[in-house]
């Protein structure tokens, strides 16, 4: 079984919420487990998509109370780590999909890439390694279906996502 992280903004537009829900649906249809930060916005929408399709979602919470979790999660895990929980999310996943996001999302992208985890972006940060670097890139997708497909292909290859 594969674990795919969905990371992104806690506050976002209706179009971004729809995109996140679609990613959650695709993850569940693929039989993968969705891992997220467990709060609102992209995280809640993705968990809702997974739930609608009968999938499983796990929220890695920054605080110490399950009550802070969004209601769409299957499982909520309080950590008491605050933003340091971003490292737990990155480590727990086989691949990650970043949807929009601010600096918290950027930190998760960086941590995941540092851990050699494939990261696929949807309407998120555009970053690339320095010229001549052998560091893995952040690969961008055009839609939810492509993002999940790229993540699964990268997992199957045991490494980098490639468009």
N, C-alpha and C. Protein backbone atom coordinates (compact mmCIF):
# COMPACT_ATOMS: atom_id res chain seq x y z
N UNK A 1 0.84 -1.17 0.00
CA UNK A 1 0.00 0.00 0.00
C UNK A 1 0.88 1.24 0.00
N UNK A 2 0.49 2.23 -0.78
CA UNK A 2 1.24 3.48 -0.88
C UNK A 2 0.60 4.57 -0.04
N UNK A 3 1.43 5.47 0.45
CA UNK A 3 0.98 6.62 1.23
C UNK A 3 1.35 7.87 0.44
N UNK A 4 0.33 8.65 0.08
CA UNK A 4 0.54 9.87 -0.69
C UNK A 4 0.13 11.06 0.14
N UNK A 5 1.06 11.98 0.34
CA UNK A 5 0.77 13.19 1.09
C UNK A 5 0.13 14.24 0.20
N UNK A 6 -0.82 14.95 0.77
CA UNK A 6 -1.40 16.11 0.11
C UNK A 6 -1.13 17.30 1.02
N UNK A 7 -0.37 18.25 0.50
CA UNK A 7 0.03 19.41 1.28
C UNK A 7 -0.45 20.65 0.57
N UNK A 8 -0.76 21.69 1.33
CA UNK A 8 -1.22 22.92 0.71
C UNK A 8 -1.82 23.89 1.70
N UNK A 9 -2.40 24.92 1.16
CA UNK A 9 -2.90 26.04 1.94
C UNK A 9 -4.07 25.67 2.83
N UNK A 10 -4.07 26.25 4.03
CA UNK A 10 -5.19 26.08 4.95
C UNK A 10 -6.37 26.97 4.53
N UNK A 11 -6.05 28.06 3.83
CA UNK A 11 -7.09 28.95 3.30
C UNK A 11 -6.88 29.06 1.81
N UNK A 12 -7.91 28.74 1.06
CA UNK A 12 -7.77 28.79 -0.40
C UNK A 12 -9.11 29.04 -1.07
N UNK A 13 -9.07 29.21 -2.37
CA UNK A 13 -10.26 29.53 -3.16
C UNK A 13 -11.12 28.30 -3.36
N UNK A 14 -12.38 28.51 -3.75
CA UNK A 14 -13.25 27.37 -4.08
C UNK A 14 -12.65 26.48 -5.17
N UNK A 15 -12.00 27.06 -6.17
CA UNK A 15 -11.39 26.27 -7.25
C UNK A 15 -10.27 25.39 -6.71
N UNK A 16 -9.48 25.92 -5.78
CA UNK A 16 -8.39 25.15 -5.19
C UNK A 16 -8.93 24.03 -4.29
N UNK A 17 -10.03 24.31 -3.59
CA UNK A 17 -10.68 23.27 -2.77
C UNK A 17 -11.20 22.14 -3.66
N UNK A 18 -11.78 22.50 -4.78
CA UNK A 18 -12.29 21.50 -5.73
C UNK A 18 -11.14 20.64 -6.27
N UNK A 19 -10.02 21.29 -6.58
CA UNK A 19 -8.84 20.56 -7.06
C UNK A 19 -8.34 19.59 -5.99
N UNK A 20 -8.26 20.05 -4.75
CA UNK A 20 -7.80 19.19 -3.65
C UNK A 20 -8.74 18.01 -3.44
N UNK A 21 -10.03 18.26 -3.51
CA UNK A 21 -10.99 17.17 -3.35
C UNK A 21 -10.82 16.14 -4.47
N UNK A 22 -10.59 16.62 -5.68
CA UNK A 22 -10.37 15.72 -6.80
C UNK A 22 -9.11 14.88 -6.61
N UNK A 23 -8.04 15.49 -6.08
CA UNK A 23 -6.82 14.74 -5.79
C UNK A 23 -7.13 13.66 -4.75
N UNK A 24 -7.87 14.01 -3.71
CA UNK A 24 -8.24 13.02 -2.70
C UNK A 24 -9.03 11.86 -3.28
N UNK A 25 -9.94 12.18 -4.17
CA UNK A 25 -10.72 11.12 -4.84
C UNK A 25 -9.81 10.19 -5.64
N UNK A 26 -8.89 10.79 -6.40
CA UNK A 26 -7.98 9.98 -7.24
C UNK A 26 -7.07 9.10 -6.38
N UNK A 27 -6.62 9.62 -5.25
CA UNK A 27 -5.78 8.82 -4.35
C UNK A 27 -6.55 7.62 -3.83
N UNK A 28 -7.79 7.86 -3.41
CA UNK A 28 -8.61 6.75 -2.90
C UNK A 28 -8.91 5.74 -4.00
N UNK A 29 -9.22 6.20 -5.20
CA UNK A 29 -9.50 5.29 -6.32
C UNK A 29 -8.29 4.42 -6.63
N UNK A 30 -7.10 4.96 -6.40
CA UNK A 30 -5.86 4.21 -6.65
C UNK A 30 -5.55 3.23 -5.53
N UNK A 31 -6.32 3.27 -4.46
CA UNK A 31 -6.09 2.36 -3.34
C UNK A 31 -4.96 2.80 -2.41
N UNK A 32 -4.55 4.06 -2.53
CA UNK A 32 -3.49 4.59 -1.67
C UNK A 32 -4.09 5.26 -0.44
N UNK A 33 -3.27 5.44 0.57
CA UNK A 33 -3.67 6.15 1.79
C UNK A 33 -3.26 7.60 1.63
N UNK A 34 -4.16 8.52 1.98
CA UNK A 34 -3.89 9.94 1.92
C UNK A 34 -3.37 10.40 3.28
N UNK A 35 -2.25 11.11 3.28
CA UNK A 35 -1.68 11.69 4.49
C UNK A 35 -1.68 13.20 4.32
N UNK A 36 -2.09 13.93 5.36
CA UNK A 36 -2.10 15.38 5.28
C UNK A 36 -1.88 15.98 6.66
N UNK A 37 -1.91 17.30 6.74
CA UNK A 37 -1.72 18.00 7.99
C UNK A 37 -2.94 18.01 8.89
N UNK A 38 -4.07 17.53 8.39
CA UNK A 38 -5.23 17.31 9.23
C UNK A 38 -6.09 18.50 9.56
N UNK A 39 -5.76 19.66 9.04
CA UNK A 39 -6.55 20.86 9.38
C UNK A 39 -7.48 21.20 8.22
N UNK A 40 -7.70 22.49 7.95
CA UNK A 40 -8.68 22.91 6.96
C UNK A 40 -8.08 23.12 5.58
N UNK A 41 -8.86 23.76 4.72
CA UNK A 41 -8.42 24.11 3.38
C UNK A 41 -8.13 22.91 2.51
N UNK A 42 -6.97 22.90 1.88
CA UNK A 42 -6.57 21.81 0.99
C UNK A 42 -6.62 20.47 1.71
N UNK A 43 -6.19 20.46 2.97
CA UNK A 43 -6.13 19.20 3.74
C UNK A 43 -7.53 18.62 3.93
N UNK A 44 -8.47 19.44 4.32
CA UNK A 44 -9.84 18.97 4.55
C UNK A 44 -10.51 18.56 3.25
N UNK A 45 -10.32 19.33 2.20
CA UNK A 45 -10.93 19.01 0.90
C UNK A 45 -10.38 17.69 0.36
N UNK A 46 -9.08 17.47 0.47
CA UNK A 46 -8.50 16.21 -0.01
C UNK A 46 -9.03 15.04 0.81
N UNK A 47 -9.10 15.20 2.12
CA UNK A 47 -9.64 14.13 2.98
C UNK A 47 -11.10 13.84 2.64
N UNK A 48 -11.86 14.89 2.32
CA UNK A 48 -13.27 14.70 1.92
C UNK A 48 -13.34 13.87 0.64
N UNK A 49 -12.49 14.22 -0.33
CA UNK A 49 -12.48 13.45 -1.58
C UNK A 49 -12.17 11.99 -1.34
N UNK A 50 -11.19 11.72 -0.48
CA UNK A 50 -10.85 10.33 -0.16
C UNK A 50 -12.02 9.64 0.53
N UNK A 51 -12.66 10.32 1.48
CA UNK A 51 -13.79 9.72 2.20
C UNK A 51 -14.93 9.39 1.24
N UNK A 52 -15.26 10.30 0.34
CA UNK A 52 -16.36 10.10 -0.61
C UNK A 52 -16.12 8.84 -1.44
N UNK A 53 -14.86 8.58 -1.77
CA UNK A 53 -14.51 7.40 -2.58
C UNK A 53 -14.23 6.16 -1.73
N UNK A 54 -14.46 6.25 -0.43
CA UNK A 54 -14.24 5.08 0.43
C UNK A 54 -12.80 4.86 0.83
N UNK A 55 -11.97 5.89 0.67
CA UNK A 55 -10.55 5.77 0.99
C UNK A 55 -10.24 6.12 2.44
N UNK A 56 -8.97 6.02 2.76
CA UNK A 56 -8.47 6.28 4.11
C UNK A 56 -7.60 7.53 4.08
N UNK A 57 -7.80 8.38 5.10
CA UNK A 57 -6.96 9.57 5.24
C UNK A 57 -6.45 9.67 6.67
N UNK A 58 -5.21 10.10 6.78
CA UNK A 58 -4.56 10.27 8.08
C UNK A 58 -4.12 11.71 8.20
N UNK A 59 -4.50 12.36 9.30
CA UNK A 59 -4.07 13.74 9.55
C UNK A 59 -2.99 13.76 10.62
N UNK A 60 -1.86 14.37 10.29
CA UNK A 60 -0.75 14.54 11.23
C UNK A 60 -0.88 15.97 11.79
N UNK A 61 -1.43 16.09 12.98
CA UNK A 61 -1.80 17.39 13.54
C UNK A 61 -0.63 18.09 14.24
N UNK A 62 -0.60 19.41 14.16
CA UNK A 62 0.48 20.15 14.83
C UNK A 62 0.32 20.21 16.34
N UNK A 63 -0.91 20.18 16.83
CA UNK A 63 -1.18 20.34 18.25
C UNK A 63 -1.30 19.02 19.00
N UNK A 64 -1.84 19.13 20.19
CA UNK A 64 -1.93 17.96 21.07
C UNK A 64 -3.34 17.40 21.19
N UNK A 65 -4.30 18.01 20.49
CA UNK A 65 -5.70 17.60 20.63
C UNK A 65 -6.28 17.09 19.31
N UNK A 66 -6.92 15.94 19.35
CA UNK A 66 -7.62 15.44 18.17
C UNK A 66 -8.74 16.38 17.73
N UNK A 67 -9.27 17.14 18.66
CA UNK A 67 -10.38 18.05 18.36
C UNK A 67 -10.01 19.09 17.30
N UNK A 68 -8.73 19.35 17.07
CA UNK A 68 -8.33 20.32 16.06
C UNK A 68 -8.39 19.74 14.64
N UNK A 69 -8.65 18.46 14.53
CA UNK A 69 -8.69 17.78 13.23
C UNK A 69 -9.94 18.15 12.45
N UNK A 70 -9.82 18.12 11.14
CA UNK A 70 -11.02 18.33 10.32
C UNK A 70 -11.88 17.06 10.39
N UNK A 71 -13.18 17.21 10.17
CA UNK A 71 -14.10 16.08 10.34
C UNK A 71 -14.05 15.03 9.23
N UNK A 72 -13.30 15.29 8.17
CA UNK A 72 -13.26 14.37 7.03
C UNK A 72 -12.23 13.25 7.19
N UNK A 73 -11.34 13.37 8.15
CA UNK A 73 -10.26 12.40 8.34
C UNK A 73 -10.77 11.05 8.83
N UNK A 74 -10.07 10.01 8.43
CA UNK A 74 -10.32 8.69 8.98
C UNK A 74 -9.61 8.57 10.33
N UNK A 75 -8.37 9.02 10.37
CA UNK A 75 -7.55 8.98 11.59
C UNK A 75 -6.86 10.32 11.80
N UNK A 76 -6.83 10.77 13.04
CA UNK A 76 -6.15 12.02 13.39
C UNK A 76 -5.09 11.73 14.44
N UNK A 77 -3.85 12.14 14.16
CA UNK A 77 -2.73 11.88 15.06
C UNK A 77 -2.14 13.19 15.57
N UNK A 78 -2.44 13.57 16.83
CA UNK A 78 -1.83 14.76 17.40
C UNK A 78 -0.34 14.52 17.64
N UNK A 79 0.47 15.55 17.40
CA UNK A 79 1.91 15.39 17.59
C UNK A 79 2.50 16.33 18.64
N UNK A 80 1.87 17.47 18.85
CA UNK A 80 2.44 18.47 19.74
C UNK A 80 3.70 19.11 19.19
N UNK A 81 3.95 18.94 17.90
CA UNK A 81 5.19 19.41 17.29
C UNK A 81 5.08 20.76 16.59
N UNK A 82 3.89 21.32 16.51
CA UNK A 82 3.72 22.57 15.77
C UNK A 82 4.13 22.37 14.32
N UNK A 83 4.82 23.38 13.76
CA UNK A 83 5.24 23.29 12.36
C UNK A 83 6.26 22.20 12.10
N UNK A 84 6.92 21.70 13.14
CA UNK A 84 7.88 20.62 12.97
C UNK A 84 7.19 19.35 12.50
N UNK A 85 5.86 19.29 12.63
CA UNK A 85 5.13 18.13 12.13
C UNK A 85 5.24 18.00 10.63
N UNK A 86 5.66 19.07 9.94
CA UNK A 86 5.87 19.01 8.49
C UNK A 86 6.90 17.94 8.13
N UNK A 87 7.91 17.77 8.97
CA UNK A 87 8.91 16.73 8.73
C UNK A 87 8.30 15.34 8.87
N UNK A 88 7.39 15.18 9.80
CA UNK A 88 6.71 13.89 9.99
C UNK A 88 5.87 13.57 8.76
N UNK A 89 5.15 14.57 8.26
CA UNK A 89 4.33 14.36 7.06
C UNK A 89 5.21 13.93 5.89
N UNK A 90 6.29 14.66 5.67
CA UNK A 90 7.19 14.33 4.56
C UNK A 90 7.76 12.92 4.70
N UNK A 91 8.14 12.57 5.91
CA UNK A 91 8.75 11.26 6.15
C UNK A 91 7.75 10.12 6.00
N UNK A 92 6.50 10.37 6.39
CA UNK A 92 5.47 9.32 6.39
C UNK A 92 4.98 8.93 5.00
N UNK A 93 5.28 9.75 4.00
CA UNK A 93 4.72 9.55 2.66
C UNK A 93 5.72 8.92 1.70
N UNK A 94 5.18 8.20 0.73
CA UNK A 94 5.99 7.67 -0.36
C UNK A 94 6.18 8.70 -1.46
N UNK A 95 5.22 9.61 -1.57
CA UNK A 95 5.26 10.72 -2.52
C UNK A 95 4.32 11.79 -1.98
N UNK A 96 4.49 13.02 -2.43
CA UNK A 96 3.62 14.11 -2.00
C UNK A 96 3.11 14.89 -3.19
N UNK A 97 1.91 15.44 -3.02
CA UNK A 97 1.32 16.33 -4.01
C UNK A 97 1.06 17.65 -3.32
N UNK A 98 1.69 18.71 -3.82
CA UNK A 98 1.54 20.05 -3.26
C UNK A 98 0.52 20.83 -4.07
N UNK A 99 -0.49 21.35 -3.38
CA UNK A 99 -1.54 22.14 -4.04
C UNK A 99 -1.52 23.54 -3.42
N UNK A 100 -1.25 24.53 -4.22
CA UNK A 100 -1.11 25.92 -3.78
C UNK A 100 -0.14 25.99 -2.60
N UNK A 101 -0.45 26.80 -1.60
CA UNK A 101 0.32 26.79 -0.37
C UNK A 101 1.21 27.98 -0.15
N UNK A 102 1.56 28.16 1.11
CA UNK A 102 2.44 29.22 1.54
C UNK A 102 3.78 28.66 1.97
N UNK A 103 4.38 29.31 2.95
CA UNK A 103 5.71 28.89 3.40
C UNK A 103 5.70 27.54 4.11
N UNK A 104 4.59 27.19 4.76
CA UNK A 104 4.49 25.86 5.37
C UNK A 104 4.56 24.78 4.31
N UNK A 105 3.84 24.99 3.22
CA UNK A 105 3.87 24.05 2.10
C UNK A 105 5.27 24.00 1.49
N UNK A 106 5.89 25.16 1.35
CA UNK A 106 7.24 25.20 0.81
C UNK A 106 8.20 24.41 1.69
N UNK A 107 8.03 24.50 3.01
CA UNK A 107 8.92 23.74 3.90
C UNK A 107 8.70 22.24 3.73
N UNK A 108 7.44 21.83 3.55
CA UNK A 108 7.15 20.41 3.34
C UNK A 108 7.74 19.92 2.01
N UNK A 109 7.66 20.76 0.98
CA UNK A 109 8.25 20.41 -0.31
C UNK A 109 9.76 20.20 -0.14
N UNK A 110 10.40 21.16 0.50
CA UNK A 110 11.85 21.06 0.71
C UNK A 110 12.25 19.85 1.54
N UNK A 111 11.52 19.60 2.61
CA UNK A 111 11.83 18.44 3.45
C UNK A 111 11.65 17.13 2.68
N UNK A 112 10.55 17.04 1.92
CA UNK A 112 10.29 15.82 1.15
C UNK A 112 11.40 15.60 0.11
N UNK A 113 11.76 16.64 -0.61
CA UNK A 113 12.81 16.49 -1.62
C UNK A 113 14.14 16.13 -0.96
N UNK A 114 14.43 16.71 0.20
CA UNK A 114 15.65 16.37 0.92
C UNK A 114 15.66 14.90 1.32
N UNK A 115 14.47 14.33 1.59
CA UNK A 115 14.34 12.92 1.96
C UNK A 115 14.21 12.03 0.72
N UNK A 116 14.44 12.61 -0.46
CA UNK A 116 14.34 11.88 -1.74
C UNK A 116 12.94 11.34 -2.00
N UNK A 117 11.94 12.08 -1.55
CA UNK A 117 10.55 11.71 -1.83
C UNK A 117 10.10 12.49 -3.06
N UNK A 118 9.41 11.84 -3.99
CA UNK A 118 8.90 12.56 -5.16
C UNK A 118 7.83 13.57 -4.73
N UNK A 119 7.88 14.74 -5.34
CA UNK A 119 6.88 15.77 -5.08
C UNK A 119 6.32 16.24 -6.42
N UNK A 120 5.00 16.25 -6.50
CA UNK A 120 4.30 16.73 -7.70
C UNK A 120 3.53 17.97 -7.28
N UNK A 121 3.64 19.03 -8.08
CA UNK A 121 2.99 20.29 -7.75
C UNK A 121 1.78 20.57 -8.63
N UNK A 122 0.76 21.15 -8.01
CA UNK A 122 -0.43 21.63 -8.70
C UNK A 122 -0.67 23.07 -8.25
N UNK A 123 -0.48 24.03 -9.13
CA UNK A 123 -0.69 25.44 -8.81
C UNK A 123 0.08 25.86 -7.55
N UNK A 124 1.30 25.38 -7.44
CA UNK A 124 2.10 25.66 -6.25
C UNK A 124 3.42 26.30 -6.62
N UNK A 125 4.32 26.32 -5.69
CA UNK A 125 5.64 26.92 -5.86
C UNK A 125 6.35 26.38 -7.10
N UNK A 126 7.07 27.25 -7.77
CA UNK A 126 7.92 26.87 -8.90
C UNK A 126 9.36 27.01 -8.43
N UNK A 127 9.96 25.88 -8.13
CA UNK A 127 11.35 25.89 -7.68
C UNK A 127 12.11 24.84 -8.47
N UNK A 128 13.39 25.08 -8.63
CA UNK A 128 14.23 24.09 -9.30
C UNK A 128 15.61 24.13 -8.66
N UNK A 129 16.31 23.00 -8.70
CA UNK A 129 17.66 22.97 -8.14
C UNK A 129 18.60 23.87 -8.95
N UNK A 130 19.71 24.26 -8.36
CA UNK A 130 20.69 25.07 -9.08
C UNK A 130 21.20 24.33 -10.33
N UNK A 131 21.63 25.08 -11.31
CA UNK A 131 22.18 24.50 -12.55
C UNK A 131 23.31 23.54 -12.21
N UNK A 132 23.31 22.41 -12.87
CA UNK A 132 24.34 21.40 -12.67
C UNK A 132 24.12 20.52 -11.46
N UNK A 133 23.06 20.75 -10.73
CA UNK A 133 22.77 19.98 -9.52
C UNK A 133 22.16 18.63 -9.88
N UNK A 134 22.35 17.66 -9.02
CA UNK A 134 21.74 16.35 -9.20
C UNK A 134 20.56 16.17 -8.25
N UNK A 135 20.11 17.26 -7.63
CA UNK A 135 18.98 17.20 -6.72
C UNK A 135 17.70 16.91 -7.48
N UNK A 136 16.74 16.21 -6.85
CA UNK A 136 15.48 15.91 -7.54
C UNK A 136 14.64 17.18 -7.73
N UNK A 137 13.95 17.28 -8.85
CA UNK A 137 13.14 18.46 -9.12
C UNK A 137 11.73 18.33 -8.54
N UNK A 138 11.06 19.46 -8.43
CA UNK A 138 9.63 19.49 -8.16
C UNK A 138 8.96 19.44 -9.53
N UNK A 139 8.20 18.39 -9.79
CA UNK A 139 7.54 18.20 -11.08
C UNK A 139 6.12 18.75 -10.98
N UNK A 140 5.67 19.43 -12.01
CA UNK A 140 4.33 20.02 -11.99
C UNK A 140 3.37 19.24 -12.88
N UNK A 141 2.14 19.15 -12.42
CA UNK A 141 1.07 18.48 -13.16
C UNK A 141 0.02 19.52 -13.54
N UNK A 142 -0.81 19.16 -14.51
CA UNK A 142 -1.85 20.07 -14.99
C UNK A 142 -3.19 19.86 -14.32
N UNK A 143 -3.41 18.66 -13.76
CA UNK A 143 -4.71 18.36 -13.14
C UNK A 143 -4.53 17.26 -12.09
N UNK A 144 -5.61 16.98 -11.38
CA UNK A 144 -5.56 16.02 -10.28
C UNK A 144 -5.19 14.62 -10.75
N UNK A 145 -5.80 14.18 -11.82
CA UNK A 145 -5.53 12.83 -12.32
C UNK A 145 -4.06 12.66 -12.70
N UNK A 146 -3.51 13.64 -13.39
CA UNK A 146 -2.11 13.58 -13.79
C UNK A 146 -1.20 13.62 -12.56
N UNK A 147 -1.54 14.44 -11.58
CA UNK A 147 -0.71 14.54 -10.37
C UNK A 147 -0.62 13.20 -9.65
N UNK A 148 -1.75 12.54 -9.48
CA UNK A 148 -1.74 11.25 -8.78
C UNK A 148 -1.03 10.20 -9.62
N UNK A 149 -1.25 10.22 -10.92
CA UNK A 149 -0.56 9.28 -11.81
C UNK A 149 0.96 9.46 -11.73
N UNK A 150 1.43 10.71 -11.77
CA UNK A 150 2.86 10.97 -11.68
C UNK A 150 3.43 10.53 -10.33
N UNK A 151 2.68 10.78 -9.27
CA UNK A 151 3.13 10.35 -7.93
C UNK A 151 3.24 8.83 -7.87
N UNK A 152 2.24 8.12 -8.37
CA UNK A 152 2.26 6.66 -8.34
C UNK A 152 3.38 6.09 -9.22
N UNK A 153 3.60 6.70 -10.38
CA UNK A 153 4.68 6.24 -11.25
C UNK A 153 6.03 6.44 -10.57
N UNK A 154 6.20 7.56 -9.90
CA UNK A 154 7.47 7.82 -9.21
C UNK A 154 7.69 6.83 -8.08
N UNK A 155 6.63 6.50 -7.35
CA UNK A 155 6.74 5.50 -6.28
C UNK A 155 7.13 4.15 -6.87
N UNK A 156 6.48 3.79 -7.97
CA UNK A 156 6.77 2.49 -8.60
C UNK A 156 8.22 2.43 -9.09
N UNK A 157 8.76 3.57 -9.55
CA UNK A 157 10.15 3.63 -10.00
C UNK A 157 11.11 3.72 -8.83
N UNK A 158 10.57 3.98 -7.64
CA UNK A 158 11.42 4.10 -6.47
C UNK A 158 12.16 5.42 -6.39
N UNK A 159 11.58 6.46 -6.95
CA UNK A 159 12.31 7.73 -6.88
C UNK A 159 11.58 8.90 -7.49
N UNK A 160 12.28 9.58 -8.37
CA UNK A 160 11.83 10.86 -8.87
C UNK A 160 10.57 10.78 -9.74
N UNK A 161 9.77 11.85 -9.60
CA UNK A 161 8.65 12.03 -10.51
C UNK A 161 9.19 12.64 -11.79
N UNK A 162 8.65 12.23 -12.92
CA UNK A 162 9.06 12.78 -14.22
C UNK A 162 7.82 13.03 -15.04
N UNK A 163 7.74 14.20 -15.62
CA UNK A 163 6.58 14.52 -16.46
C UNK A 163 6.81 14.05 -17.87
